Amino acid sequence: MKVLASILALGLLAAPALAATKSFKDVSVVDVKCSSKVAANPDAHTRSCALMCEKSGYGVITADKKFLKFDADGNAKIAQQLKDSKETDHLRVDVKGDVQGDTLKVESIKLL
């Protein structure tokens, strides 16, 4: 029983190591609410719509058309950058973070 508990404890400690840090360059950023609607043409998604849907959160559509939503810190960072931007559409970012399932724990993000 103690052996099983030790193995489980080691597995829990190793779990964070399974998160993969990735960098995504020049990918489309969209809000969660509109992500499925704009997946075919995310560059047409407007900044004004993204800001209206801010409460739903944000994420990126990767080159393979997968949507990764941002963690709370990533949402706060990109929301401020969107507010400060003069871009109207074609919202692209360079972002780096740990992929955990369908969520990207954002380390750094820059609106292009």
PDB file of N, CA and C in Angstrom:
ATOM      1  N   MET A   1       0.816  -1.183   0.000  1.00  0.00           N
ATOM      2  CA  MET A   1       0.000   0.000   0.000  1.00  0.00           C
ATOM      3  C   MET A   1       0.869   1.260   0.000  1.00  0.00           C
ATOM      4  N   LYS A   2       1.951   1.222   0.802  1.00  0.00           N
ATOM      5  CA  LYS A   2       2.848   2.373   0.849  1.00  0.00           C
ATOM      6  C   LYS A   2       3.538   2.572  -0.492  1.00  0.00           C
ATOM      7  N   VAL A   3       3.842   1.477  -1.169  1.00  0.00           N
ATOM      8  CA  VAL A   3       4.483   1.569  -2.480  1.00  0.00           C
ATOM      9  C   VAL A   3       3.549   2.246  -3.475  1.00  0.00           C
ATOM     10  N   LEU A   4       2.300   1.858  -3.455  1.00  0.00           N
ATOM     11  CA  LEU A   4       1.312   2.465  -4.354  1.00  0.00           C
ATOM     12  C   LEU A   4       1.157   3.954  -4.063  1.00  0.00           C
ATOM     13  N   ALA A   5       1.106   4.310  -2.798  1.00  0.00           N
ATOM     14  CA  ALA A   5       0.998   5.722  -2.420  1.00  0.00           C
ATOM     15  C   ALA A   5       2.218   6.500  -2.885  1.00  0.00           C
ATOM     16  N   SER A   6       3.398   5.905  -2.773  1.00  0.00           N
ATOM     17  CA  SER A   6       4.623   6.568  -3.218  1.00  0.00           C
ATOM     18  C   SER A   6       4.627   6.772  -4.729  1.00  0.00           C
ATOM     19  N   ILE A   7       4.174   5.771  -5.467  1.00  0.00           N
ATOM     20  CA  ILE A   7       4.119   5.871  -6.928  1.00  0.00           C
ATOM     21  C   ILE A   7       3.131   6.965  -7.336  1.00  0.00           C
ATOM     22  N   LEU A   8       1.979   7.015  -6.680  1.00  0.00           N
ATOM     23  CA  LEU A   8       0.996   8.052  -6.984  1.00  0.00           C
ATOM     24  C   LEU A   8       1.536   9.445  -6.667  1.00  0.00           C
ATOM     25  N   ALA A   9       2.234   9.575  -5.557  1.00  0.00           N
ATOM     26  CA  ALA A   9       2.802  10.874  -5.183  1.00  0.00           C
ATOM     27  C   ALA A   9       3.839  11.321  -6.201  1.00  0.00           C
ATOM     28  N   LEU A  10       4.671  10.411  -6.666  1.00  0.00           N
ATOM     29  CA  LEU A  10       5.660  10.749  -7.683  1.00  0.00           C
ATOM     30  C   LEU A  10       4.983  11.153  -8.985  1.00  0.00           C
ATOM     31  N   GLY A  11       3.908  10.483  -9.319  1.00  0.00           N
ATOM     32  CA  GLY A  11       3.159  10.814 -10.529  1.00  0.00           C
ATOM     33  C   GLY A  11       2.586  12.215 -10.465  1.00  0.00           C
ATOM     34  N   LEU A  12       2.089  12.619  -9.300  1.00  0.00           N
ATOM     35  CA  LEU A  12       1.542  13.966  -9.135  1.00  0.00           C
ATOM     36  C   LEU A  12       2.637  15.024  -9.238  1.00  0.00           C
ATOM     37  N   LEU A  13       3.809  14.708  -8.720  1.00  0.00           N
ATOM     38  CA  LEU A  13       4.927  15.650  -8.816  1.00  0.00           C
ATOM     39  C   LEU A  13       5.419  15.786 -10.249  1.00  0.00           C
ATOM     40  N   ALA A  14       5.328  14.716 -11.009  1.00  0.00           N
ATOM     41  CA  ALA A  14       5.805  14.738 -12.391  1.00  0.00           C
ATOM     42  C   ALA A  14       4.799  15.355 -13.348  1.00  0.00           C
ATOM     43  N   ALA A  15       3.542  15.464 -12.957  1.00  0.00           N
ATOM     44  CA  ALA A  15       2.497  15.968 -13.849  1.00  0.00           C
ATOM     45  C   ALA A  15       2.800  17.351 -14.423  1.00  0.00           C
ATOM     46  N   PRO A  16       3.287  18.320 -13.628  1.00  0.00           N
ATOM     47  CA  PRO A  16       3.602  19.623 -14.231  1.00  0.00           C
ATOM     48  C   PRO A  16       4.669  19.529 -15.312  1.00  0.00           C
ATOM     49  N   ALA A  17       5.550  18.564 -15.214  1.00  0.00           N
ATOM     50  CA  ALA A  17       6.586  18.400 -16.226  1.00  0.00           C
ATOM     51  C   ALA A  17       6.006  17.954 -17.562  1.00  0.00           C
ATOM     52  N   LEU A  18       4.788  17.418 -17.543  1.00  0.00           N
ATOM     53  CA  LEU A  18       4.159  16.970 -18.774  1.00  0.00           C
ATOM     54  C   LEU A  18       3.614  18.130 -19.600  1.00  0.00           C
ATOM     55  N   ALA A  19       3.437  19.286 -18.972  1.00  0.00           N
ATOM     56  CA  ALA A  19       2.984  20.460 -19.719  1.00  0.00           C
ATOM     57  C   ALA A  19       4.098  20.861 -20.683  1.00  0.00           C
ATOM     58  N   ALA A  20       3.724  21.124 -21.913  1.00  0.00           N
ATOM     59  CA  ALA A  20       4.713  21.419 -22.945  1.00  0.00           C
ATOM     60  C   ALA A  20       4.758  22.919 -23.232  1.00  0.00           C
ATOM     61  N   THR A  21       5.923  23.540 -22.997  1.00  0.00           N
ATOM     62  CA  THR A  21       6.073  24.946 -23.342  1.00  0.00           C
ATOM     63  C   THR A  21       6.219  25.052 -24.845  1.00  0.00           C
ATOM     64  N   LYS A  22       5.386  25.900 -25.432  1.00  0.00           N
ATOM     65  CA  LYS A  22       5.397  26.069 -26.881  1.00  0.00           C
ATOM     66  C   LYS A  22       5.366  27.540 -27.224  1.00  0.00           C
ATOM     67  N   SER A  23       5.885  27.838 -28.383  1.00  0.00           N
ATOM     68  CA  SER A  23       5.813  29.182 -28.930  1.00  0.00           C
ATOM     69  C   SER A  23       4.972  29.131 -30.195  1.00  0.00           C
ATOM     70  N   PHE A  24       4.083  30.093 -30.328  1.00  0.00           N
ATOM     71  CA  PHE A  24       3.259  30.216 -31.517  1.00  0.00           C
ATOM     72  C   PHE A  24       3.544  31.585 -32.106  1.00  0.00           C
ATOM     73  N   LYS A  25       3.954  31.609 -33.355  1.00  0.00           N
ATOM     74  CA  LYS A  25       4.320  32.855 -34.029  1.00  0.00           C
ATOM     75  C   LYS A  25       3.250  33.237 -35.041  1.00  0.00           C
ATOM     76  N   ASP A  26       2.867  34.502 -35.019  1.00  0.00           N
ATOM     77  CA  ASP A  26       1.962  35.074 -36.014  1.00  0.00           C
ATOM     78  C   ASP A  26       0.671  34.252 -36.154  1.00  0.00           C
ATOM     79  N   VAL A  27       0.021  33.972 -35.014  1.00  0.00           N
ATOM     80  CA  VAL A  27      -1.245  33.228 -35.018  1.00  0.00           C
ATOM     81  C   VAL A  27      -2.398  34.169 -34.690  1.00  0.00           C
ATOM     82  N   SER A  28      -3.575  33.816 -35.141  1.00  0.00           N
ATOM     83  CA  SER A  28      -4.763  34.645 -34.918  1.00  0.00           C
ATOM     84  C   SER A  28      -5.247  34.540 -33.485  1.00  0.00           C
ATOM     85  N   VAL A  29      -5.564  35.683 -32.907  1.00  0.00           N
ATOM     86  CA  VAL A  29      -6.150  35.730 -31.565  1.00  0.00           C
ATOM     87  C   VAL A  29      -7.613  36.116 -31.713  1.00  0.00           C
ATOM     88  N   VAL A  30      -8.486  35.353 -31.054  1.00  0.00           N
ATOM     89  CA  VAL A  30      -9.928  35.611 -31.097  1.00  0.00           C
ATOM     90  C   VAL A  30     -10.506  35.363 -29.706  1.00  0.00           C
ATOM     91  N   ASP A  31     -11.701  35.879 -29.496  1.00  0.00           N
ATOM     92  CA  ASP A  31     -12.372  35.619 -28.228  1.00  0.00           C
ATOM     93  C   ASP A  31     -13.005  34.222 -28.268  1.00  0.00           C
ATOM     94  N   VAL A  32     -13.206  33.648 -27.105  1.00  0.00           N
ATOM     95  CA  VAL A  32     -13.761  32.295 -26.998  1.00  0.00           C
ATOM     96  C   VAL A  32     -15.153  32.229 -27.620  1.00  0.00           C
ATOM     97  N   LYS A  33     -15.979  33.252 -27.372  1.00  0.00           N
ATOM     98  CA  LYS A  33     -17.361  33.247 -27.855  1.00  0.00           C
ATOM     99  C   LYS A  33     -17.431  33.113 -29.377  1.00  0.00           C
ATOM    100  N   CYS A  34     -16.520  33.755 -30.083  1.00  0.00           N
ATOM    101  CA  CYS A  34     -16.558  33.752 -31.553  1.00  0.00           C
ATOM    102  C   CYS A  34     -15.609  32.728 -32.189  1.00  0.00           C
ATOM    103  N   SER A  35     -14.878  31.997 -31.392  1.00  0.00           N
ATOM    104  CA  SER A  35     -13.829  31.118 -31.934  1.00  0.00           C
ATOM    105  C   SER A  35     -14.335  30.116 -32.957  1.00  0.00           C
ATOM    106  N   SER A  36     -15.473  29.506 -32.722  1.00  0.00           N
ATOM    107  CA  SER A  36     -15.967  28.519 -33.687  1.00  0.00           C
ATOM    108  C   SER A  36     -16.551  29.189 -34.930  1.00  0.00           C
ATOM    109  N   LYS A  37     -17.133  30.381 -34.762  1.00  0.00           N
ATOM    110  CA  LYS A  37     -17.725  31.094 -35.900  1.00  0.00           C
ATOM    111  C   LYS A  37     -16.672  31.620 -36.863  1.00  0.00           C
ATOM    112  N   VAL A  38     -15.507  31.986 -36.343  1.00  0.00           N
ATOM    113  CA  VAL A  38     -14.494  32.620 -37.193  1.00  0.00           C
ATOM    114  C   VAL A  38     -13.327  31.699 -37.532  1.00  0.00           C
ATOM    115  N   ALA A  39     -13.424  30.446 -37.164  1.00  0.00           N
ATOM    116  CA  ALA A  39     -12.312  29.513 -37.370  1.00  0.00           C
ATOM    117  C   ALA A  39     -11.860  29.436 -38.827  1.00  0.00           C
ATOM    118  N   ALA A  40     -12.787  29.525 -39.768  1.00  0.00           N
ATOM    119  CA  ALA A  40     -12.436  29.428 -41.183  1.00  0.00           C
ATOM    120  C   ALA A  40     -11.689  30.655 -41.679  1.00  0.00           C
ATOM    121  N   ASN A  41     -11.955  31.822 -41.074  1.00  0.00           N
ATOM    122  CA  ASN A  41     -11.289  33.058 -41.495  1.00  0.00           C
ATOM    123  C   ASN A  41     -11.075  33.963 -40.279  1.00  0.00           C
ATOM    124  N   PRO A  42     -10.189  33.584 -39.380  1.00  0.00           N
ATOM    125  CA  PRO A  42     -10.008  34.356 -38.146  1.00  0.00           C
ATOM    126  C   PRO A  42      -9.466  35.767 -38.373  1.00  0.00           C
ATOM    127  N   ASP A  43      -8.797  36.011 -39.493  1.00  0.00           N
ATOM    128  CA  ASP A  43      -8.255  37.350 -39.743  1.00  0.00           C
ATOM    129  C   ASP A  43      -9.348  38.384 -39.989  1.00  0.00           C
ATOM    130  N   ALA A  44     -10.544  37.942 -40.325  1.00  0.00           N
ATOM    131  CA  ALA A  44     -11.653  38.860 -40.539  1.00  0.00           C
ATOM    132  C   ALA A  44     -12.326  39.263 -39.221  1.00  0.00           C
ATOM    133  N   HIS A  45     -11.995  38.574 -38.139  1.00  0.00           N
ATOM    134  CA  HIS A  45     -12.578  38.890 -36.837  1.00  0.00           C
ATOM    135  C   HIS A  45     -12.075  40.256 -36.393  1.00  0.00           C
ATOM    136  N   THR A  46     -12.979  41.109 -35.965  1.00  0.00           N
ATOM    137  CA  THR A  46     -12.614  42.490 -35.656  1.00  0.00           C
ATOM    138  C   THR A  46     -12.209  42.695 -34.199  1.00  0.00           C
ATOM    139  N   ARG A  47     -11.413  43.730 -34.002  1.00  0.00           N
ATOM    140  CA  ARG A  47     -10.995  44.109 -32.649  1.00  0.00           C
ATOM    141  C   ARG A  47     -12.214  44.543 -31.839  1.00  0.00           C
ATOM    142  N   SER A  48     -13.133  45.265 -32.452  1.00  0.00           N
ATOM    143  CA  SER A  48     -14.316  45.721 -31.711  1.00  0.00           C
ATOM    144  C   SER A  48     -15.143  44.537 -31.215  1.00  0.00           C
ATOM    145  N   CYS A  49     -15.283  43.498 -32.019  1.00  0.00           N
ATOM    146  CA  CYS A  49     -16.008  42.306 -31.578  1.00  0.00           C
ATOM    147  C   CYS A  49     -15.243  41.609 -30.449  1.00  0.00           C
ATOM    148  N   ALA A  50     -13.936  41.493 -30.612  1.00  0.00           N
ATOM    149  CA  ALA A  50     -13.115  40.851 -29.576  1.00  0.00           C
ATOM    150  C   ALA A  50     -13.249  41.583 -28.247  1.00  0.00           C
ATOM    151  N   LEU A  51     -13.294  42.903 -28.289  1.00  0.00           N
ATOM    152  CA  LEU A  51     -13.435  43.671 -27.057  1.00  0.00           C
ATOM    153  C   LEU A  51     -14.845  43.548 -26.473  1.00  0.00           C
ATOM    154  N   MET A  52     -15.861  43.474 -27.329  1.00  0.00           N
ATOM    155  CA  MET A  52     -17.237  43.280 -26.836  1.00  0.00           C
ATOM    156  C   MET A  52     -17.388  41.928 -26.142  1.00  0.00           C
ATOM    157  N   CYS A  53     -16.649  40.938 -26.618  1.00  0.00           N
ATOM    158  CA  CYS A  53     -16.760  39.581 -26.078  1.00  0.00           C
ATOM    159  C   CYS A  53     -15.649  39.264 -25.072  1.00  0.00           C
ATOM    160  N   GLU A  54     -15.031  40.294 -24.524  1.00  0.00           N
ATOM    161  CA  GLU A  54     -13.888  40.129 -23.609  1.00  0.00           C
ATOM    162  C   GLU A  54     -14.186  39.179 -22.455  1.00  0.00           C
ATOM    163  N   LYS A  55     -15.386  39.230 -21.909  1.00  0.00           N
ATOM    164  CA  LYS A  55     -15.715  38.393 -20.748  1.00  0.00           C
ATOM    165  C   LYS A  55     -15.647  36.902 -21.039  1.00  0.00           C
ATOM    166  N   SER A  56     -15.759  36.518 -22.318  1.00  0.00           N
ATOM    167  CA  SER A  56     -15.684  35.092 -22.661  1.00  0.00           C
ATOM    168  C   SER A  56     -14.239  34.585 -22.622  1.00  0.00           C
ATOM    169  N   GLY A  57     -13.279  35.501 -22.651  1.00  0.00           N
ATOM    170  CA  GLY A  57     -11.869  35.124 -22.664  1.00  0.00           C
ATOM    171  C   GLY A  57     -11.340  35.081 -24.081  1.00  0.00           C
ATOM    172  N   TYR A  58     -10.051  34.812 -24.214  1.00  0.00           N
ATOM    173  CA  TYR A  58      -9.384  34.807 -25.513  1.00  0.00           C
ATOM    174  C   TYR A  58      -8.569  33.538 -25.694  1.00  0.00           C
ATOM    175  N   GLY A  59      -8.122  33.372 -26.925  1.00  0.00           N
ATOM    176  CA  GLY A  59      -7.250  32.258 -27.253  1.00  0.00           C
ATOM    177  C   GLY A  59      -6.719  32.437 -28.657  1.00  0.00           C
ATOM    178  N   VAL A  60      -5.986  31.438 -29.124  1.00  0.00           N
ATOM    179  CA  VAL A  60      -5.423  31.485 -30.474  1.00  0.00           C
ATOM    180  C   VAL A  60      -5.923  30.311 -31.292  1.00  0.00           C
ATOM    181  N   ILE A  61      -5.997  30.557 -32.596  1.00  0.00           N
ATOM    182  CA  ILE A  61      -6.273  29.480 -33.541  1.00  0.00           C
ATOM    183  C   ILE A  61      -4.936  29.129 -34.167  1.00  0.00           C
ATOM    184  N   THR A  62      -4.482  27.917 -33.910  1.00  0.00           N
ATOM    185  CA  THR A  62      -3.164  27.491 -34.369  1.00  0.00           C
ATOM    186  C   THR A  62      -3.179  27.168 -35.862  1.00  0.00           C
ATOM    187  N   ALA A  63      -2.011  26.937 -36.408  1.00  0.00           N
ATOM    188  CA  ALA A  63      -1.878  26.625 -37.838  1.00  0.00           C
ATOM    189  C   ALA A  63      -2.686  25.389 -38.226  1.00  0.00           C
ATOM    190  N   ASP A  64      -2.834  24.446 -37.287  1.00  0.00           N
ATOM    191  CA  ASP A  64      -3.611  23.238 -37.571  1.00  0.00           C
ATOM    192  C   ASP A  64      -5.088  23.403 -37.196  1.00  0.00           C
ATOM    193  N   LYS A  65      -5.533  24.662 -37.049  1.00  0.00           N
ATOM    194  CA  LYS A  65      -6.935  25.034 -36.787  1.00  0.00           C
ATOM    195  C   LYS A  65      -7.448  24.595 -35.419  1.00  0.00           C
ATOM    196  N   LYS A  66      -6.539  24.369 -34.481  1.00  0.00           N
ATOM    197  CA  LYS A  66      -6.927  24.032 -33.118  1.00  0.00           C
ATOM    198  C   LYS A  66      -7.049  25.328 -32.321  1.00  0.00           C
ATOM    199  N   PHE A  67      -8.057  25.420 -31.466  1.00  0.00           N
ATOM    200  CA  PHE A  67      -8.237  26.598 -30.623  1.00  0.00           C
ATOM    201  C   PHE A  67      -7.697  26.306 -29.236  1.00  0.00           C
ATOM    202  N   LEU A  68      -6.770  27.141 -28.780  1.00  0.00           N
ATOM    203  CA  LEU A  68      -6.230  27.051 -27.428  1.00  0.00           C
ATOM    204  C   LEU A  68      -6.658  28.299 -26.674  1.00  0.00           C
ATOM    205  N   LYS A  69      -7.413  28.115 -25.598  1.00  0.00           N
ATOM    206  CA  LYS A  69      -7.847  29.274 -24.827  1.00  0.00           C
ATOM    207  C   LYS A  69      -6.747  29.668 -23.843  1.00  0.00           C
ATOM    208  N   PHE A  70      -6.723  30.951 -23.494  1.00  0.00           N
ATOM    209  CA  PHE A  70      -5.723  31.476 -22.572  1.00  0.00           C
ATOM    210  C   PHE A  70      -6.168  31.305 -21.127  1.00  0.00           C
ATOM    211  N   ASP A  71      -5.185  31.238 -20.250  1.00  0.00           N
ATOM    212  CA  ASP A  71      -5.456  31.281 -18.818  1.00  0.00           C
ATOM    213  C   ASP A  71      -5.816  32.722 -18.432  1.00  0.00           C
ATOM    214  N   ALA A  72      -6.176  32.955 -17.177  1.00  0.00           N
ATOM    215  CA  ALA A  72      -6.616  34.284 -16.731  1.00  0.00           C
ATOM    216  C   ALA A  72      -5.553  35.350 -16.960  1.00  0.00           C
ATOM    217  N   ASP A  73      -4.303  35.031 -16.702  1.00  0.00           N
ATOM    218  CA  ASP A  73      -3.219  35.999 -16.893  1.00  0.00           C
ATOM    219  C   ASP A  73      -3.071  36.362 -18.371  1.00  0.00           C
ATOM    220  N   GLY A  74      -3.150  35.372 -19.234  1.00  0.00           N
ATOM    221  CA  GLY A  74      -3.074  35.620 -20.672  1.00  0.00           C
ATOM    222  C   GLY A  74      -4.233  36.470 -21.160  1.00  0.00           C
ATOM    223  N   ASN A  75      -5.429  36.208 -20.625  1.00  0.00           N
ATOM    224  CA  ASN A  75      -6.597  37.014 -20.984  1.00  0.00           C
ATOM    225  C   ASN A  75      -6.396  38.476 -20.597  1.00  0.00           C
ATOM    226  N   ALA A  76      -5.879  38.718 -19.418  1.00  0.00           N
ATOM    227  CA  ALA A  76      -5.657  40.089 -18.960  1.00  0.00           C
ATOM    228  C   ALA A  76      -4.624  40.795 -19.839  1.00  0.00           C
ATOM    229  N   LYS A  77      -3.552  40.088 -20.172  1.00  0.00           N
ATOM    230  CA  LYS A  77      -2.484  40.684 -20.994  1.00  0.00           C
ATOM    231  C   LYS A  77      -2.990  41.057 -22.386  1.00  0.00           C
ATOM    232  N   ILE A  78      -3.685  40.138 -23.036  1.00  0.00           N
ATOM    233  CA  ILE A  78      -4.120  40.424 -24.405  1.00  0.00           C
ATOM    234  C   ILE A  78      -5.270  41.432 -24.418  1.00  0.00           C
ATOM    235  N   ALA A  79      -6.115  41.428 -23.408  1.00  0.00           N
ATOM    236  CA  ALA A  79      -7.203  42.407 -23.355  1.00  0.00           C
ATOM    237  C   ALA A  79      -6.630  43.821 -23.327  1.00  0.00           C
ATOM    238  N   GLN A  80      -5.599  44.032 -22.536  1.00  0.00           N
ATOM    239  CA  GLN A  80      -4.997  45.358 -22.467  1.00  0.00           C
ATOM    240  C   GLN A  80      -4.343  45.730 -23.793  1.00  0.00           C
ATOM    241  N   GLN A  81      -3.666  44.782 -24.416  1.00  0.00           N
ATOM    242  CA  GLN A  81      -3.030  45.058 -25.705  1.00  0.00           C
ATOM    243  C   GLN A  81      -4.061  45.373 -26.778  1.00  0.00           C
ATOM    244  N   LEU A  82      -5.190  44.676 -26.756  1.00  0.00           N
ATOM    245  CA  LEU A  82      -6.260  44.957 -27.715  1.00  0.00           C
ATOM    246  C   LEU A  82      -6.840  46.355 -27.496  1.00  0.00           C
ATOM    247  N   LYS A  83      -7.009  46.735 -26.239  1.00  0.00           N
ATOM    248  CA  LYS A  83      -7.533  48.067 -25.922  1.00  0.00           C
ATOM    249  C   LYS A  83      -6.583  49.164 -26.394  1.00  0.00           C
ATOM    250  N   ASP A  84      -5.284  48.902 -26.297  1.00  0.00           N
ATOM    251  CA  ASP A  84      -4.277  49.893 -26.679  1.00  0.00           C
ATOM    252  C   ASP A  84      -4.005  49.924 -28.179  1.00  0.00           C
ATOM    253  N   SER A  85      -4.458  48.923 -28.907  1.00  0.00           N
ATOM    254  CA  SER A  85      -4.154  48.781 -30.331  1.00  0.00           C
ATOM    255  C   SER A  85      -5.064  49.639 -31.199  1.00  0.00           C
ATOM    256  N   LYS A  86      -4.570  49.974 -32.372  1.00  0.00           N
ATOM    257  CA  LYS A  86      -5.376  50.684 -33.363  1.00  0.00           C
ATOM    258  C   LYS A  86      -5.781  49.748 -34.509  1.00  0.00           C
ATOM    259  N   GLU A  87      -5.330  48.494 -34.468  1.00  0.00           N
ATOM    260  CA  GLU A  87      -5.702  47.511 -35.488  1.00  0.00           C
ATOM    261  C   GLU A  87      -7.211  47.303 -35.465  1.00  0.00           C
ATOM    262  N   THR A  88      -7.800  47.099 -36.617  1.00  0.00           N
ATOM    263  CA  THR A  88      -9.246  46.861 -36.662  1.00  0.00           C
ATOM    264  C   THR A  88      -9.582  45.392 -36.894  1.00  0.00           C
ATOM    265  N   ASP A  89      -8.700  44.660 -37.562  1.00  0.00           N
ATOM    266  CA  ASP A  89      -8.880  43.230 -37.811  1.00  0.00           C
ATOM    267  C   ASP A  89      -7.502  42.620 -38.051  1.00  0.00           C
ATOM    268  N   HIS A  90      -7.466  41.395 -38.536  1.00  0.00           N
ATOM    269  CA  HIS A  90      -6.195  40.692 -38.749  1.00  0.00           C
ATOM    270  C   HIS A  90      -5.371  40.718 -37.450  1.00  0.00           C
ATOM    271  N   LEU A  91      -6.004  40.275 -36.371  1.00  0.00           N
ATOM    272  CA  LEU A  91      -5.393  40.308 -35.043  1.00  0.00           C
ATOM    273  C   LEU A  91      -4.478  39.106 -34.869  1.00  0.00           C
ATOM    274  N   ARG A  92      -3.195  39.366 -34.880  1.00  0.00           N
ATOM    275  CA  ARG A  92      -2.191  38.311 -34.787  1.00  0.00           C
ATOM    276  C   ARG A  92      -1.298  38.538 -33.582  1.00  0.00           C
ATOM    277  N   VAL A  93      -0.799  37.435 -33.024  1.00  0.00           N
ATOM    278  CA  VAL A  93       0.081  37.511 -31.861  1.00  0.00           C
ATOM    279  C   VAL A  93       1.237  36.530 -31.993  1.00  0.00           C
ATOM    280  N   ASP A  94       2.284  36.832 -31.254  1.00  0.00           N
ATOM    281  CA  ASP A  94       3.323  35.865 -30.922  1.00  0.00           C
ATOM    282  C   ASP A  94       3.089  35.559 -29.455  1.00  0.00           C
ATOM    283  N   VAL A  95       2.962  34.274 -29.129  1.00  0.00           N
ATOM    284  CA  VAL A  95       2.651  33.898 -27.755  1.00  0.00           C
ATOM    285  C   VAL A  95       3.466  32.662 -27.368  1.00  0.00           C
ATOM    286  N   LYS A  96       3.846  32.622 -26.098  1.00  0.00           N
ATOM    287  CA  LYS A  96       4.620  31.499 -25.571  1.00  0.00           C
ATOM    288  C   LYS A  96       3.990  31.087 -24.249  1.00  0.00           C
ATOM    289  N   GLY A  97       3.894  29.776 -24.029  1.00  0.00           N
ATOM    290  CA  GLY A  97       3.350  29.304 -22.766  1.00  0.00           C
ATOM    291  C   GLY A  97       3.274  27.796 -22.703  1.00  0.00           C
ATOM    292  N   ASP A  98       2.746  27.323 -21.594  1.00  0.00           N
ATOM    293  CA  ASP A  98       2.592  25.886 -21.366  1.00  0.00           C
ATOM    294  C   ASP A  98       1.211  25.447 -21.816  1.00  0.00           C
ATOM    295  N   VAL A  99       1.173  24.447 -22.683  1.00  0.00           N
ATOM    296  CA  VAL A  99      -0.084  23.883 -23.155  1.00  0.00           C
ATOM    297  C   VAL A  99      -0.525  22.819 -22.152  1.00  0.00           C
ATOM    298  N   GLN A 100      -1.726  23.026 -21.608  1.00  0.00           N
ATOM    299  CA  GLN A 100      -2.296  22.081 -20.650  1.00  0.00           C
ATOM    300  C   GLN A 100      -3.698  21.738 -21.134  1.00  0.00           C
ATOM    301  N   GLY A 101      -3.783  20.644 -21.888  1.00  0.00           N
ATOM    302  CA  GLY A 101      -5.056  20.267 -22.503  1.00  0.00           C
ATOM    303  C   GLY A 101      -5.399  21.242 -23.616  1.00  0.00           C
ATOM    304  N   ASP A 102      -6.534  21.940 -23.471  1.00  0.00           N
ATOM    305  CA  ASP A 102      -6.928  22.922 -24.481  1.00  0.00           C
ATOM    306  C   ASP A 102      -6.685  24.357 -24.009  1.00  0.00           C
ATOM    307  N   THR A 103      -5.857  24.500 -22.971  1.00  0.00           N
ATOM    308  CA  THR A 103      -5.557  25.812 -22.405  1.00  0.00           C
ATOM    309  C   THR A 103      -4.074  26.125 -22.536  1.00  0.00           C
ATOM    310  N   LEU A 104      -3.783  27.384 -22.840  1.00  0.00           N
ATOM    311  CA  LEU A 104      -2.408  27.865 -22.923  1.00  0.00           C
ATOM    312  C   LEU A 104      -2.163  28.765 -21.721  1.00  0.00           C
ATOM    313  N   LYS A 105      -1.267  28.328 -20.837  1.00  0.00           N
ATOM    314  CA  LYS A 105      -0.867  29.136 -19.684  1.00  0.00           C
ATOM    315  C   LYS A 105       0.189  30.105 -20.197  1.00  0.00           C
ATOM    316  N   VAL A 106      -0.206  31.331 -20.441  1.00  0.00           N
ATOM    317  CA  VAL A 106       0.605  32.315 -21.160  1.00  0.00           C
ATOM    318  C   VAL A 106       1.769  32.808 -20.306  1.00  0.00           C
ATOM    319  N   GLU A 107       2.976  32.695 -20.878  1.00  0.00           N
ATOM    320  CA  GLU A 107       4.176  33.280 -20.281  1.00  0.00           C
ATOM    321  C   GLU A 107       4.414  34.678 -20.851  1.00  0.00           C
ATOM    322  N   SER A 108       4.282  34.770 -22.166  1.00  0.00           N
ATOM    323  CA  SER A 108       4.460  36.060 -22.834  1.00  0.00           C
ATOM    324  C   SER A 108       3.558  36.119 -24.064  1.00  0.00           C
ATOM    325  N   ILE A 109       3.121  37.338 -24.376  1.00  0.00           N
ATOM    326  CA  ILE A 109       2.257  37.526 -25.542  1.00  0.00           C
ATOM    327  C   ILE A 109       2.479  38.930 -26.079  1.00  0.00           C
ATOM    328  N   LYS A 110       2.491  39.020 -27.408  1.00  0.00           N
ATOM    329  CA  LYS A 110       2.675  40.323 -28.054  1.00  0.00           C
ATOM    330  C   LYS A 110       1.741  40.405 -29.247  1.00  0.00           C
ATOM    331  N   LEU A 111       0.868  41.406 -29.230  1.00  0.00           N
ATOM    332  CA  LEU A 111      -0.002  41.673 -30.358  1.00  0.00           C
ATOM    333  C   LEU A 111       0.838  42.269 -31.472  1.00  0.00           C
ATOM    334  N   LEU A 112       0.746  41.692 -32.657  1.00  0.00           N
ATOM    335  CA  LEU A 112       1.575  42.163 -33.778  1.00  0.00           C
ATOM    336  C   LEU A 112       0.902  43.297 -34.529  1.00  0.00           C
TER     337      LEU A 112
END
